[in-house]
Amino acid sequence: MPADWDDDDIPEWTEEMFDQAEFRIGDKIIRPGIGPIARPGRPKSSDPKQQVTLRLDAAVLDGFRATGPGWQSRINAELRKALGL
């Protein structure tokens, strides 16, 4: 724990936080948590992508990777464009 930690750094809980909190007695869950704290991450997509194995030329792969983060989505966009989707 950092040396400069202080009880004053902890935010006060709101009624909403208590309403969404998971309650346990020991290892037994009395009430499961609800809301974004219980289910972190982004929401499920209505049209999820599928993982596939695809062989690409090294130059094509290097070219897309060189464009930075999001290169896989850009490949998907280019394929959609090529198919007229």
C-alpha atoms as a PDB file:
ATOM      1  CA  MET A   1       0.000   0.000   0.000  1.00  0.00           C
ATOM      2  CA  PRO A   2       1.387   3.444  -0.846  1.00  0.00           C
ATOM      3  CA  ALA A   3       2.875   5.370   2.071  1.00  0.00           C
ATOM      4  CA  ASP A   4       0.701   8.425   1.310  1.00  0.00           C
ATOM      5  CA  TRP A   5      -2.551   6.416   1.435  1.00  0.00           C
ATOM      6  CA  ASP A   6      -5.173   7.890   3.718  1.00  0.00           C
ATOM      7  CA  ASP A   7      -8.701   6.873   4.753  1.00  0.00           C
ATOM      8  CA  ASP A   8      -9.845  10.197   3.345  1.00  0.00           C
ATOM      9  CA  ASP A   9      -8.929   8.904  -0.153  1.00  0.00           C
ATOM     10  CA  ILE A  10     -11.797   6.396  -0.055  1.00  0.00           C
ATOM     11  CA  PRO A  11     -15.019   7.807  -1.557  1.00  0.00           C
ATOM     12  CA  GLU A  12     -18.148   7.583   0.522  1.00  0.00           C
ATOM     13  CA  TRP A  13     -20.568   4.878  -0.663  1.00  0.00           C
ATOM     14  CA  THR A  14     -23.858   6.007  -2.170  1.00  0.00           C
ATOM     15  CA  GLU A  15     -27.229   4.245  -1.864  1.00  0.00           C
ATOM     16  CA  GLU A  16     -26.834   3.147  -5.503  1.00  0.00           C
ATOM     17  CA  MET A  17     -23.489   1.503  -4.672  1.00  0.00           C
ATOM     18  CA  PHE A  18     -25.077  -0.394  -1.784  1.00  0.00           C
ATOM     19  CA  ASP A  19     -28.010  -1.429  -4.005  1.00  0.00           C
ATOM     20  CA  GLN A  20     -25.627  -2.893  -6.615  1.00  0.00           C
ATOM     21  CA  ALA A  21     -23.127  -4.494  -4.201  1.00  0.00           C
ATOM     22  CA  GLU A  22     -22.700  -8.229  -3.722  1.00  0.00           C
ATOM     23  CA  PHE A  23     -23.349  -9.353  -0.154  1.00  0.00           C
ATOM     24  CA  ARG A  24     -21.624 -12.410   1.332  1.00  0.00           C
ATOM     25  CA  ILE A  25     -21.375 -14.192   4.630  1.00  0.00           C
ATOM     26  CA  GLY A  26     -18.035 -15.951   4.431  1.00  0.00           C
ATOM     27  CA  ASP A  27     -17.919 -17.698   1.056  1.00  0.00           C
ATOM     28  CA  LYS A  28     -21.720 -17.852   0.718  1.00  0.00           C
ATOM     29  CA  ILE A  29     -23.249 -15.258  -1.632  1.00  0.00           C
ATOM     30  CA  ILE A  30     -26.383 -13.839  -0.017  1.00  0.00           C
ATOM     31  CA  ARG A  31     -27.177 -11.465  -2.876  1.00  0.00           C
ATOM     32  CA  PRO A  32     -25.221 -11.296  -6.166  1.00  0.00           C
ATOM     33  CA  GLY A  33     -23.990  -7.928  -7.373  1.00  0.00           C
ATOM     34  CA  ILE A  34     -25.721  -6.141 -10.224  1.00  0.00           C
ATOM     35  CA  GLY A  35     -24.788  -3.336 -12.584  1.00  0.00           C
ATOM     36  CA  PRO A  36     -21.512  -2.403 -14.273  1.00  0.00           C
ATOM     37  CA  ILE A  37     -19.342  -3.316 -11.282  1.00  0.00           C
ATOM     38  CA  ALA A  38     -20.630  -6.911 -11.345  1.00  0.00           C
ATOM     39  CA  ARG A  39     -20.328  -7.195 -15.144  1.00  0.00           C
ATOM     40  CA  PRO A  40     -17.289  -5.178 -16.198  1.00  0.00           C
ATOM     41  CA  GLY A  41     -16.346  -4.729 -19.834  1.00  0.00           C
ATOM     42  CA  ARG A  42     -18.181  -3.581 -22.869  1.00  0.00           C
ATOM     43  CA  PRO A  43     -21.724  -4.748 -23.658  1.00  0.00           C
ATOM     44  CA  LYS A  44     -22.312  -7.798 -25.841  1.00  0.00           C
ATOM     45  CA  SER A  45     -22.593  -7.009 -29.550  1.00  0.00           C
ATOM     46  CA  SER A  46     -25.800  -7.907 -31.398  1.00  0.00           C
ATOM     47  CA  ASP A  47     -23.580  -8.845 -34.374  1.00  0.00           C
ATOM     48  CA  PRO A  48     -20.402 -10.330 -32.837  1.00  0.00           C
ATOM     49  CA  LYS A  49     -17.319 -10.961 -34.940  1.00  0.00           C
ATOM     50  CA  GLN A  50     -16.029 -14.505 -35.377  1.00  0.00           C
ATOM     51  CA  GLN A  51     -12.467 -15.587 -34.872  1.00  0.00           C
ATOM     52  CA  VAL A  52     -10.924 -17.243 -37.931  1.00  0.00           C
ATOM     53  CA  THR A  53      -7.532 -18.359 -39.153  1.00  0.00           C
ATOM     54  CA  LEU A  54      -6.480 -16.466 -42.254  1.00  0.00           C
ATOM     55  CA  ARG A  55      -3.200 -16.557 -44.157  1.00  0.00           C
ATOM     56  CA  LEU A  56      -2.040 -13.205 -45.513  1.00  0.00           C
ATOM     57  CA  ASP A  57       1.080 -12.127 -47.344  1.00  0.00           C
ATOM     58  CA  ALA A  58       3.710 -10.821 -44.939  1.00  0.00           C
ATOM     59  CA  ALA A  59       3.737  -7.460 -46.760  1.00  0.00           C
ATOM     60  CA  VAL A  60      -0.050  -7.078 -46.339  1.00  0.00           C
ATOM     61  CA  LEU A  61       0.103  -7.980 -42.668  1.00  0.00           C
ATOM     62  CA  ASP A  62       3.091  -5.706 -42.023  1.00  0.00           C
ATOM     63  CA  GLY A  63       1.372  -2.861 -43.856  1.00  0.00           C
ATOM     64  CA  PHE A  64      -1.787  -3.073 -41.735  1.00  0.00           C
ATOM     65  CA  ARG A  65       0.134  -3.546 -38.479  1.00  0.00           C
ATOM     66  CA  ALA A  66       2.219  -0.472 -39.307  1.00  0.00           C
ATOM     67  CA  THR A  67      -0.978   1.633 -39.199  1.00  0.00           C
ATOM     68  CA  GLY A  68      -1.129   1.084 -35.427  1.00  0.00           C
ATOM     69  CA  PRO A  69      -3.817  -0.151 -33.042  1.00  0.00           C
ATOM     70  CA  GLY A  70      -7.065  -1.137 -34.703  1.00  0.00           C
ATOM     71  CA  TRP A  71      -5.338  -2.728 -37.706  1.00  0.00           C
ATOM     72  CA  GLN A  72      -7.555  -5.831 -37.524  1.00  0.00           C
ATOM     73  CA  SER A  73     -10.692  -3.683 -37.671  1.00  0.00           C
ATOM     74  CA  ARG A  74      -9.239  -1.864 -40.670  1.00  0.00           C
ATOM     75  CA  ILE A  75      -8.703  -5.186 -42.454  1.00  0.00           C
ATOM     76  CA  ASN A  76     -12.358  -6.018 -41.714  1.00  0.00           C
ATOM     77  CA  ALA A  77     -13.459  -2.631 -43.100  1.00  0.00           C
ATOM     78  CA  GLU A  78     -11.418  -3.135 -46.299  1.00  0.00           C
ATOM     79  CA  LEU A  79     -12.908  -6.609 -46.812  1.00  0.00           C
ATOM     80  CA  ARG A  80     -16.427  -5.225 -46.318  1.00  0.00           C
ATOM     81  CA  LYS A  81     -15.680  -2.476 -48.844  1.00  0.00           C
ATOM     82  CA  ALA A  82     -14.354  -5.023 -51.357  1.00  0.00           C
ATOM     83  CA  LEU A  83     -17.559  -7.068 -50.971  1.00  0.00           C
ATOM     84  CA  GLY A  84     -19.820  -4.018 -51.196  1.00  0.00           C
ATOM     85  CA  LEU A  85     -21.209  -4.515 -47.673  1.00  0.00           C
END
